[in-house]
Structures are given as structure tokens and as C-alpha cells.
């Protein structure tokens, strides 16, 4: 199931706003520090390291779940048995 485009746009806006407001402990400005955004599936243990590596290169990450409650529980159509199918 694809992630809705509005959620990706919201994450991008949030990251841009944070980069404009962001200041380090030394007080230096962090504006324009992000080179881009990568949206990747979340994998426990791997995503944290991947995010840390990309952050050191100025690339922001957004993790999304591979499986959600929606795609586990929602099945809009009943399965059709082979003998009920037409050729």
C-alpha cells in the first residue's frame, strides 16, 4: 500500500521548518543544511543506523512502517473460489 502523498508533503514541510528554526549548541545557524529527504521502510535496528549515517551527510530521513494495521485488517473483497470463477 502506497503512502498518501499528503503525509510525505507534511513530513517534508516539518523538516524544512525545523531546519530553518534549528540552532546548534554553539549557536550556529543550520539553515539549508539538509540536502534532501529519503522515505524508507522501518526495519528495527537497521533504520536507526541508516538514519544516523544519512544525517551526517545532511540527508533527512522519514521512516514508514512496512505493515500497518490497515493493510493487515482491511480486505475489501471476498476471495472467489476457483469453481465460482468464469473462464
Protein backbone atom coordinates (compact mmCIF):
# COMPACT_ATOMS: atom_id res chain seq x y z
CA UNK A 1 0.00 0.00 0.00
CA UNK A 2 1.39 3.36 -1.01
CA UNK A 3 1.82 6.18 1.46
CA UNK A 4 -0.55 9.09 0.76
CA UNK A 5 1.26 12.00 -0.86
CA UNK A 6 -0.12 14.47 1.70
CA UNK A 7 1.73 12.68 4.53
CA UNK A 8 5.02 12.84 2.66
CA UNK A 9 4.44 16.54 1.93
CA UNK A 10 3.70 17.20 5.62
CA UNK A 11 6.91 15.47 6.71
CA UNK A 12 8.90 17.48 4.17
CA UNK A 13 7.37 20.75 5.42
CA UNK A 14 8.09 19.80 9.05
CA UNK A 15 11.71 19.01 8.26
CA UNK A 16 12.19 22.26 6.34
CA UNK A 17 10.61 24.28 9.18
CA UNK A 18 12.86 22.57 11.74
CA UNK A 19 15.94 23.27 9.63
CA UNK A 20 15.05 26.97 9.49
CA UNK A 21 14.48 27.12 13.24
CA UNK A 22 17.39 24.83 14.12
CA UNK A 23 20.37 26.10 16.01
CA UNK A 24 23.25 24.07 17.38
CA UNK A 25 24.51 24.38 20.93
CA UNK A 26 27.20 26.76 19.68
CA UNK A 27 24.50 29.00 18.22
CA UNK A 28 25.48 28.48 14.59
CA UNK A 29 22.65 28.55 12.08
CA UNK A 30 21.55 25.27 10.49
CA UNK A 31 19.51 26.77 7.60
CA UNK A 32 19.77 24.98 4.30
CA UNK A 33 21.79 22.17 5.83
CA UNK A 34 19.50 19.40 4.52
CA UNK A 35 20.33 18.17 1.03
CA UNK A 36 17.18 16.12 0.66
CA UNK A 37 14.69 13.72 2.16
CA UNK A 38 14.58 9.93 1.89
CA UNK A 39 11.46 7.93 2.83
CA UNK A 40 12.37 4.34 3.72
CA UNK A 41 10.56 1.41 5.34
CA UNK A 42 11.27 0.97 9.05
CA UNK A 43 13.41 -2.03 9.97
CA UNK A 44 14.17 -2.37 13.69
CA UNK A 45 17.89 -1.93 14.40
CA UNK A 46 18.78 -1.02 10.82
CA UNK A 47 16.73 2.16 10.38
CA UNK A 48 18.33 3.92 13.33
CA UNK A 49 21.85 3.33 11.99
CA UNK A 50 20.81 4.24 8.45
CA UNK A 51 19.22 7.49 9.68
CA UNK A 52 22.34 8.39 11.66
CA UNK A 53 24.60 7.84 8.63
CA UNK A 54 22.39 9.88 6.30
CA UNK A 55 22.06 12.65 8.89
CA UNK A 56 25.85 13.02 8.99
CA UNK A 57 25.69 13.72 5.23
CA UNK A 58 22.88 16.27 5.61
CA UNK A 59 20.11 13.99 4.30
CA UNK A 60 16.90 13.80 6.32
CA UNK A 61 15.01 10.51 6.60
CA UNK A 62 11.39 9.61 7.22
CA UNK A 63 10.62 6.05 8.23
CA UNK A 64 7.32 4.40 7.39
CA UNK A 65 6.04 1.05 8.55
CA UNK A 66 6.16 -1.92 6.17
CA UNK A 67 2.99 -3.41 7.64
CA UNK A 68 0.19 -1.35 9.14
CA UNK A 69 -2.99 -2.31 10.93
CA UNK A 70 -4.90 -1.14 7.90
CA UNK A 71 -3.21 -3.47 5.42
CA UNK A 72 -3.42 -6.36 7.91
CA UNK A 73 -7.10 -5.95 8.80
CA UNK A 74 -8.77 -4.41 5.75
CA UNK A 75 -9.72 -6.79 2.94
CA UNK A 76 -12.35 -5.01 0.82
CA UNK A 77 -13.21 -8.02 -1.36
CA UNK A 78 -14.08 -11.59 -0.51
CA UNK A 79 -11.91 -14.22 -2.14
CA UNK A 80 -13.55 -16.03 -5.04
CA UNK A 81 -13.08 -19.79 -5.14
CA UNK A 82 -11.83 -21.35 -8.38
CA UNK A 83 -15.10 -23.21 -9.03
CA UNK A 84 -17.03 -19.91 -8.87
CA UNK A 85 -14.82 -18.20 -11.48
CA UNK A 86 -15.81 -17.96 -15.13
CA UNK A 87 -13.29 -18.63 -17.82
